[in-house]
């Protein structure tokens, strides 16, 4: 049986929100030391709630400097620079030829 749309799961309620409630704004302002208990709760300054993009972590190997130097020197039997990688399709020769080989509409011989 499926779940009705109005019944949200806990995970969907915990997503990023741009608009914060007053209590959440007060907490952020207290953390930044821009608000204390003596100030009124009305007319609070704006609080930016930016979403932080999480990227993939790159694992750094202990010999990363050596690996970069070794990668710069091609291995024996490797394809020369400028050649397509293994498994890549090469462009057909007909498409690689310049378009000047075909006569155009205005190139008719006049006699």
C-alpha atoms as a PDB file:
ATOM      1  CA  UNK A   1       0.000   0.000   0.000  1.00  0.00           C
ATOM      2  CA  UNK A   2       1.383   3.431  -0.905  1.00  0.00           C
ATOM      3  CA  UNK A   3       1.838   6.362   1.443  1.00  0.00           C
ATOM      4  CA  UNK A   4      -0.253   9.493   0.946  1.00  0.00           C
ATOM      5  CA  UNK A   5       1.608  12.637  -0.217  1.00  0.00           C
ATOM      6  CA  UNK A   6       0.485  14.595   2.841  1.00  0.00           C
ATOM      7  CA  UNK A   7       2.240  12.133   5.143  1.00  0.00           C
ATOM      8  CA  UNK A   8       5.877  13.175   4.868  1.00  0.00           C
ATOM      9  CA  UNK A   9       8.701  10.968   5.980  1.00  0.00           C
ATOM     10  CA  UNK A  10      11.218  12.266   8.477  1.00  0.00           C
ATOM     11  CA  UNK A  11      13.995  12.449   5.895  1.00  0.00           C
ATOM     12  CA  UNK A  12      12.049  14.797   3.621  1.00  0.00           C
ATOM     13  CA  UNK A  13      11.351  17.165   6.509  1.00  0.00           C
ATOM     14  CA  UNK A  14      15.070  17.480   7.290  1.00  0.00           C
ATOM     15  CA  UNK A  15      16.035  18.967   3.903  1.00  0.00           C
ATOM     16  CA  UNK A  16      17.660  22.371   3.364  1.00  0.00           C
ATOM     17  CA  UNK A  17      15.375  25.365   3.862  1.00  0.00           C
ATOM     18  CA  UNK A  18      16.146  28.976   2.937  1.00  0.00           C
ATOM     19  CA  UNK A  19      13.615  30.528   5.316  1.00  0.00           C
ATOM     20  CA  UNK A  20      14.317  29.913   8.988  1.00  0.00           C
ATOM     21  CA  UNK A  21      11.905  30.186  11.888  1.00  0.00           C
ATOM     22  CA  UNK A  22      12.493  32.905  14.478  1.00  0.00           C
ATOM     23  CA  UNK A  23      13.939  30.375  16.948  1.00  0.00           C
ATOM     24  CA  UNK A  24      16.374  29.099  14.315  1.00  0.00           C
ATOM     25  CA  UNK A  25      17.396  32.649  13.397  1.00  0.00           C
ATOM     26  CA  UNK A  26      17.983  33.461  17.086  1.00  0.00           C
ATOM     27  CA  UNK A  27      20.187  30.386  17.441  1.00  0.00           C
ATOM     28  CA  UNK A  28      22.275  31.368  14.389  1.00  0.00           C
ATOM     29  CA  UNK A  29      22.596  34.958  15.636  1.00  0.00           C
ATOM     30  CA  UNK A  30      23.660  33.750  19.093  1.00  0.00           C
ATOM     31  CA  UNK A  31      26.303  31.484  17.550  1.00  0.00           C
ATOM     32  CA  UNK A  32      27.639  34.483  15.598  1.00  0.00           C
ATOM     33  CA  UNK A  33      27.386  36.643  18.786  1.00  0.00           C
ATOM     34  CA  UNK A  34      25.106  39.162  17.025  1.00  0.00           C
ATOM     35  CA  UNK A  35      22.197  38.778  19.461  1.00  0.00           C
ATOM     36  CA  UNK A  36      21.833  38.364  23.221  1.00  0.00           C
ATOM     37  CA  UNK A  37      18.918  38.061  25.677  1.00  0.00           C
ATOM     38  CA  UNK A  38      18.716  41.831  26.311  1.00  0.00           C
ATOM     39  CA  UNK A  39      17.772  42.608  22.679  1.00  0.00           C
ATOM     40  CA  UNK A  40      14.172  42.271  21.414  1.00  0.00           C
ATOM     41  CA  UNK A  41      13.137  39.285  19.286  1.00  0.00           C
ATOM     42  CA  UNK A  42      11.341  41.518  16.794  1.00  0.00           C
ATOM     43  CA  UNK A  43      13.152  43.199  13.912  1.00  0.00           C
ATOM     44  CA  UNK A  44      15.938  40.638  13.759  1.00  0.00           C
ATOM     45  CA  UNK A  45      18.649  41.089  11.131  1.00  0.00           C
ATOM     46  CA  UNK A  46      18.616  38.845   8.106  1.00  0.00           C
ATOM     47  CA  UNK A  47      20.399  35.517   8.389  1.00  0.00           C
ATOM     48  CA  UNK A  48      21.835  33.839   5.299  1.00  0.00           C
ATOM     49  CA  UNK A  49      21.209  30.105   5.283  1.00  0.00           C
ATOM     50  CA  UNK A  50      23.365  28.898   2.406  1.00  0.00           C
ATOM     51  CA  UNK A  51      23.405  25.313   1.275  1.00  0.00           C
ATOM     52  CA  UNK A  52      26.906  23.889   1.235  1.00  0.00           C
ATOM     53  CA  UNK A  53      27.562  21.729  -1.818  1.00  0.00           C
ATOM     54  CA  UNK A  54      29.130  18.438  -0.824  1.00  0.00           C
ATOM     55  CA  UNK A  55      31.583  17.119  -3.381  1.00  0.00           C
ATOM     56  CA  UNK A  56      33.307  13.821  -3.749  1.00  0.00           C
ATOM     57  CA  UNK A  57      36.375  13.345  -1.615  1.00  0.00           C
ATOM     58  CA  UNK A  58      39.567  12.707  -3.523  1.00  0.00           C
ATOM     59  CA  UNK A  59      41.762  10.165  -1.846  1.00  0.00           C
ATOM     60  CA  UNK A  60      45.350  11.348  -1.686  1.00  0.00           C
ATOM     61  CA  UNK A  61      47.802   8.497  -1.943  1.00  0.00           C
ATOM     62  CA  UNK A  62      51.069   8.667   0.012  1.00  0.00           C
ATOM     63  CA  UNK A  63      53.120   8.654  -3.215  1.00  0.00           C
ATOM     64  CA  UNK A  64      50.911  11.158  -5.039  1.00  0.00           C
ATOM     65  CA  UNK A  65      53.871  13.332  -6.095  1.00  0.00           C
ATOM     66  CA  UNK A  66      55.624  10.314  -7.587  1.00  0.00           C
ATOM     67  CA  UNK A  67      52.428   9.179  -9.298  1.00  0.00           C
ATOM     68  CA  UNK A  68      51.952  12.539 -11.004  1.00  0.00           C
ATOM     69  CA  UNK A  69      55.505  12.471 -12.356  1.00  0.00           C
ATOM     70  CA  UNK A  70      55.059   8.914 -13.603  1.00  0.00           C
ATOM     71  CA  UNK A  71      51.755   9.804 -15.285  1.00  0.00           C
ATOM     72  CA  UNK A  72      53.467  12.605 -17.234  1.00  0.00           C
ATOM     73  CA  UNK A  73      55.811  10.063 -18.894  1.00  0.00           C
ATOM     74  CA  UNK A  74      53.826   7.739 -21.201  1.00  0.00           C
ATOM     75  CA  UNK A  75      54.331   4.042 -20.689  1.00  0.00           C
ATOM     76  CA  UNK A  76      55.947   1.902 -23.384  1.00  0.00           C
ATOM     77  CA  UNK A  77      53.328   0.828 -25.930  1.00  0.00           C
ATOM     78  CA  UNK A  78      51.019   3.704 -25.070  1.00  0.00           C
ATOM     79  CA  UNK A  79      49.346   5.688 -27.826  1.00  0.00           C
ATOM     80  CA  UNK A  80      51.215   8.837 -28.902  1.00  0.00           C
ATOM     81  CA  UNK A  81      49.913  12.239 -27.886  1.00  0.00           C
ATOM     82  CA  UNK A  82      47.039  13.428 -30.064  1.00  0.00           C
ATOM     83  CA  UNK A  83      45.930   9.894 -30.921  1.00  0.00           C
ATOM     84  CA  UNK A  84      42.473   8.804 -29.792  1.00  0.00           C
ATOM     85  CA  UNK A  85      42.298   6.830 -26.572  1.00  0.00           C
ATOM     86  CA  UNK A  86      41.775   3.097 -26.660  1.00  0.00           C
ATOM     87  CA  UNK A  87      38.129   2.294 -27.254  1.00  0.00           C
ATOM     88  CA  UNK A  88      37.379   5.755 -28.662  1.00  0.00           C
ATOM     89  CA  UNK A  89      35.897   5.874 -32.149  1.00  0.00           C
ATOM     90  CA  UNK A  90      38.022   7.576 -34.774  1.00  0.00           C
ATOM     91  CA  UNK A  91      36.351  10.083 -37.071  1.00  0.00           C
ATOM     92  CA  UNK A  92      35.649   8.691 -40.560  1.00  0.00           C
ATOM     93  CA  UNK A  93      37.951  10.011 -43.257  1.00  0.00           C
ATOM     94  CA  UNK A  94      35.022  11.368 -45.297  1.00  0.00           C
ATOM     95  CA  UNK A  95      33.944  13.667 -42.487  1.00  0.00           C
ATOM     96  CA  UNK A  96      37.500  14.795 -41.807  1.00  0.00           C
ATOM     97  CA  UNK A  97      37.986  15.966 -45.420  1.00  0.00           C
ATOM     98  CA  UNK A  98      37.411  19.690 -46.000  1.00  0.00           C
ATOM     99  CA  UNK A  99      34.148  20.804 -47.567  1.00  0.00           C
ATOM    100  CA  UNK A 100      36.027  22.397 -50.516  1.00  0.00           C
ATOM    101  CA  UNK A 101      36.325  18.962 -52.153  1.00  0.00           C
ATOM    102  CA  UNK A 102      32.607  19.034 -53.013  1.00  0.00           C
ATOM    103  CA  UNK A 103      31.481  21.497 -55.673  1.00  0.00           C
ATOM    104  CA  UNK A 104      28.847  23.941 -54.479  1.00  0.00           C
ATOM    105  CA  UNK A 105      25.850  25.415 -56.298  1.00  0.00           C
ATOM    106  CA  UNK A 106      27.747  28.426 -57.617  1.00  0.00           C
ATOM    107  CA  UNK A 107      30.788  26.435 -58.822  1.00  0.00           C
ATOM    108  CA  UNK A 108      29.354  25.344 -62.199  1.00  0.00           C
ATOM    109  CA  UNK A 109      31.655  25.660 -65.186  1.00  0.00           C
ATOM    110  CA  UNK A 110      30.527  28.372 -67.573  1.00  0.00           C
ATOM    111  CA  UNK A 111      31.094  27.698 -71.291  1.00  0.00           C
END
